[in-house]
Amino acid sequence: MSQPRTRPIQKLAAAVAKCNTEAAAYGRCVIEDYNDVHRDKCAKAFMALKNCVVVASKLLIGNSIAGGCIYSYKKRPVQ
């Protein structure tokens, strides 16, 4: 009998749950001065959170979501 399929969002949630320190730091940065939110204001904290989630996802479930569900601030070339 096979195990039920785990949805990608459940895998992502499990990975994010391993990064509570980084998530709290990013949240503090965002709400620190929410009236002055601008691009890259919290880029350092976001990248720390992103890197933690990528590592945690690889440890928890392999490489299945590490490249597909984690977004970055990289600009895409204009075509």
N, C-alpha and C. Protein backbone atom coordinates (compact mmCIF):
# COMPACT_ATOMS: atom_id res chain seq x y z
N MET A 1 0.84 -1.18 0.00
CA MET A 1 0.00 0.00 0.00
C MET A 1 0.89 1.24 0.00
N SER A 2 0.62 2.17 -0.91
CA SER A 2 1.44 3.36 -1.01
C SER A 2 0.99 4.43 -0.03
N GLN A 3 1.94 5.31 0.31
CA GLN A 3 1.63 6.42 1.21
C GLN A 3 0.92 7.51 0.44
N PRO A 4 0.06 8.30 1.11
CA PRO A 4 -0.60 9.41 0.42
C PRO A 4 0.43 10.43 -0.05
N ARG A 5 0.16 11.03 -1.19
CA ARG A 5 1.06 12.02 -1.77
C ARG A 5 1.06 13.29 -0.92
N THR A 6 2.25 13.80 -0.64
CA THR A 6 2.38 15.05 0.11
C THR A 6 2.37 16.21 -0.87
N ARG A 7 1.49 17.17 -0.62
CA ARG A 7 1.38 18.33 -1.50
C ARG A 7 2.61 19.21 -1.34
N PRO A 8 3.05 19.87 -2.43
CA PRO A 8 4.24 20.74 -2.36
C PRO A 8 4.14 21.81 -1.28
N ILE A 9 2.97 22.37 -1.05
CA ILE A 9 2.83 23.41 -0.03
C ILE A 9 3.10 22.84 1.36
N GLN A 10 2.77 21.59 1.58
CA GLN A 10 3.06 20.96 2.87
C GLN A 10 4.56 20.78 3.05
N LYS A 11 5.24 20.45 1.96
CA LYS A 11 6.69 20.30 2.01
C LYS A 11 7.35 21.66 2.29
N LEU A 12 6.85 22.69 1.63
CA LEU A 12 7.39 24.03 1.85
C LEU A 12 7.14 24.48 3.29
N ALA A 13 5.96 24.22 3.81
CA ALA A 13 5.63 24.60 5.18
C ALA A 13 6.55 23.90 6.18
N ALA A 14 6.85 22.64 5.93
CA ALA A 14 7.76 21.90 6.82
C ALA A 14 9.15 22.50 6.78
N ALA A 15 9.60 22.92 5.61
CA ALA A 15 10.92 23.54 5.49
C ALA A 15 10.96 24.90 6.19
N VAL A 16 9.91 25.71 6.00
CA VAL A 16 9.85 27.03 6.64
C VAL A 16 9.80 26.89 8.16
N ALA A 17 9.15 25.86 8.65
CA ALA A 17 9.04 25.65 10.10
C ALA A 17 10.41 25.43 10.74
N LYS A 18 11.37 24.99 9.97
CA LYS A 18 12.73 24.78 10.49
C LYS A 18 13.52 26.09 10.57
N CYS A 19 12.96 27.18 10.05
CA CYS A 19 13.69 28.45 9.95
C CYS A 19 13.04 29.55 10.76
N ASN A 20 12.59 29.25 11.96
CA ASN A 20 11.84 30.24 12.74
C ASN A 20 12.68 31.45 13.14
N THR A 21 13.96 31.27 13.38
CA THR A 21 14.82 32.40 13.75
C THR A 21 14.94 33.38 12.59
N GLU A 22 15.21 32.84 11.38
CA GLU A 22 15.34 33.68 10.20
C GLU A 22 14.02 34.35 9.83
N ALA A 23 12.91 33.60 9.98
CA ALA A 23 11.59 34.16 9.68
C ALA A 23 11.26 35.31 10.64
N ALA A 24 11.60 35.14 11.91
CA ALA A 24 11.35 36.20 12.89
C ALA A 24 12.18 37.44 12.58
N ALA A 25 13.44 37.25 12.18
CA ALA A 25 14.29 38.39 11.84
C ALA A 25 13.75 39.13 10.62
N TYR A 26 13.29 38.40 9.63
CA TYR A 26 12.71 39.03 8.44
C TYR A 26 11.43 39.79 8.81
N GLY A 27 10.59 39.18 9.61
CA GLY A 27 9.35 39.83 10.05
C GLY A 27 9.63 41.11 10.83
N ARG A 28 10.62 41.07 11.72
CA ARG A 28 10.99 42.27 12.48
C ARG A 28 11.47 43.38 11.54
N CYS A 29 12.25 42.99 10.53
CA CYS A 29 12.74 43.99 9.57
C CYS A 29 11.59 44.65 8.82
N VAL A 30 10.64 43.85 8.38
CA VAL A 30 9.51 44.38 7.61
C VAL A 30 8.66 45.32 8.44
N ILE A 31 8.36 44.94 9.68
CA ILE A 31 7.47 45.79 10.49
C ILE A 31 8.20 46.91 11.23
N GLU A 32 9.54 46.90 11.17
CA GLU A 32 10.34 47.92 11.85
C GLU A 32 9.89 49.33 11.47
N ASP A 33 9.70 49.56 10.20
CA ASP A 33 9.21 50.86 9.73
C ASP A 33 8.33 50.60 8.52
N TYR A 34 7.15 50.07 8.76
CA TYR A 34 6.28 49.64 7.66
C TYR A 34 5.76 50.80 6.82
N ASN A 35 5.91 52.03 7.28
CA ASN A 35 5.51 53.18 6.48
C ASN A 35 6.56 53.55 5.44
N ASP A 36 7.75 52.95 5.57
CA ASP A 36 8.84 53.25 4.63
C ASP A 36 9.34 51.95 3.99
N VAL A 37 8.43 51.17 3.47
CA VAL A 37 8.81 49.92 2.81
C VAL A 37 9.27 50.25 1.39
N HIS A 38 10.40 49.69 1.03
CA HIS A 38 10.92 49.88 -0.33
C HIS A 38 11.71 48.64 -0.72
N ARG A 39 11.95 48.52 -2.00
CA ARG A 39 12.66 47.37 -2.54
C ARG A 39 14.02 47.21 -1.85
N ASP A 40 14.34 45.99 -1.52
CA ASP A 40 15.62 45.62 -0.90
C ASP A 40 15.81 46.15 0.51
N LYS A 41 14.76 46.70 1.12
CA LYS A 41 14.88 47.18 2.50
C LYS A 41 15.31 46.06 3.42
N CYS A 42 14.75 44.88 3.22
CA CYS A 42 15.05 43.73 4.07
C CYS A 42 15.69 42.60 3.26
N ALA A 43 16.43 42.94 2.24
CA ALA A 43 17.00 41.94 1.35
C ALA A 43 17.94 40.98 2.08
N LYS A 44 18.74 41.49 2.99
CA LYS A 44 19.68 40.64 3.72
C LYS A 44 18.92 39.61 4.57
N ALA A 45 17.90 40.06 5.28
CA ALA A 45 17.10 39.14 6.11
C ALA A 45 16.32 38.17 5.24
N PHE A 46 15.80 38.64 4.10
CA PHE A 46 15.08 37.76 3.18
C PHE A 46 15.99 36.68 2.63
N MET A 47 17.19 37.05 2.23
CA MET A 47 18.12 36.07 1.68
C MET A 47 18.53 35.04 2.72
N ALA A 48 18.68 35.46 3.97
CA ALA A 48 18.98 34.51 5.04
C ALA A 48 17.83 33.52 5.21
N LEU A 49 16.60 34.03 5.17
CA LEU A 49 15.43 33.16 5.27
C LEU A 49 15.35 32.23 4.07
N LYS A 50 15.53 32.76 2.89
CA LYS A 50 15.48 31.96 1.67
C LYS A 50 16.52 30.84 1.71
N ASN A 51 17.75 31.18 2.07
CA ASN A 51 18.82 30.17 2.12
C ASN A 51 18.50 29.09 3.14
N CYS A 52 17.96 29.48 4.27
CA CYS A 52 17.57 28.51 5.30
C CYS A 52 16.50 27.57 4.77
N VAL A 53 15.49 28.11 4.11
CA VAL A 53 14.40 27.29 3.58
C VAL A 53 14.92 26.33 2.51
N VAL A 54 15.82 26.81 1.66
CA VAL A 54 16.37 25.94 0.61
C VAL A 54 17.14 24.78 1.25
N VAL A 55 17.98 25.08 2.22
CA VAL A 55 18.75 24.02 2.89
C VAL A 55 17.81 23.06 3.61
N ALA A 56 16.84 23.60 4.34
CA ALA A 56 15.89 22.76 5.07
C ALA A 56 15.08 21.88 4.12
N SER A 57 14.69 22.43 2.99
CA SER A 57 13.89 21.64 2.04
C SER A 57 14.72 20.50 1.46
N LYS A 58 15.99 20.75 1.22
CA LYS A 58 16.86 19.69 0.71
C LYS A 58 17.06 18.61 1.74
N LEU A 59 17.18 19.00 3.00
CA LEU A 59 17.36 18.02 4.07
C LEU A 59 16.09 17.21 4.32
N LEU A 60 14.95 17.87 4.23
CA LEU A 60 13.68 17.21 4.53
C LEU A 60 13.16 16.35 3.39
N ILE A 61 13.27 16.85 2.17
CA ILE A 61 12.59 16.17 1.08
C ILE A 61 13.41 16.01 -0.18
N GLY A 62 14.66 16.30 -0.13
CA GLY A 62 15.46 16.21 -1.34
C GLY A 62 15.34 17.50 -2.14
N ASN A 63 15.63 17.45 -3.40
CA ASN A 63 15.66 18.65 -4.23
C ASN A 63 14.35 18.94 -4.92
N SER A 64 13.25 18.32 -4.55
CA SER A 64 12.02 18.46 -5.31
C SER A 64 11.41 19.86 -5.29
N ILE A 65 11.58 20.64 -4.21
CA ILE A 65 11.00 21.99 -4.23
C ILE A 65 12.06 23.07 -4.17
N ALA A 66 13.30 22.71 -3.98
CA ALA A 66 14.32 23.72 -3.73
C ALA A 66 14.44 24.74 -4.85
N GLY A 67 14.22 24.36 -6.07
CA GLY A 67 14.35 25.30 -7.16
C GLY A 67 13.04 25.87 -7.63
N GLY A 68 11.92 25.22 -7.35
CA GLY A 68 10.66 25.63 -7.94
C GLY A 68 9.80 26.55 -7.12
N CYS A 69 9.87 26.51 -5.83
CA CYS A 69 8.94 27.27 -5.01
C CYS A 69 9.60 28.41 -4.24
N ILE A 70 10.88 28.55 -4.35
CA ILE A 70 11.56 29.59 -3.62
C ILE A 70 11.91 30.69 -4.60
N TYR A 71 11.36 31.87 -4.40
CA TYR A 71 11.57 32.97 -5.32
C TYR A 71 12.65 33.90 -4.79
N SER A 72 13.32 34.57 -5.68
CA SER A 72 14.34 35.52 -5.28
C SER A 72 14.03 36.89 -5.88
N TYR A 73 14.84 37.87 -5.50
CA TYR A 73 14.66 39.22 -6.00
C TYR A 73 15.42 39.47 -7.29
N LYS A 74 16.00 38.46 -7.89
CA LYS A 74 16.78 38.66 -9.10
C LYS A 74 15.90 39.19 -10.22
N LYS A 75 16.44 40.17 -10.93
CA LYS A 75 15.70 40.75 -12.04
C LYS A 75 15.85 39.83 -13.27
N ARG A 76 14.77 39.69 -14.00
CA ARG A 76 14.81 38.91 -15.23
C ARG A 76 15.17 39.84 -16.38
N PRO A 77 15.96 39.33 -17.34
CA PRO A 77 16.30 40.18 -18.48
C PRO A 77 15.07 40.54 -19.31
N VAL A 78 15.06 41.74 -19.83
CA VAL A 78 13.96 42.19 -20.67
C VAL A 78 14.16 41.61 -22.06
N GLN A 79 13.09 41.05 -22.61
CA GLN A 79 13.19 40.44 -23.95
C GLN A 79 12.53 41.29 -24.99
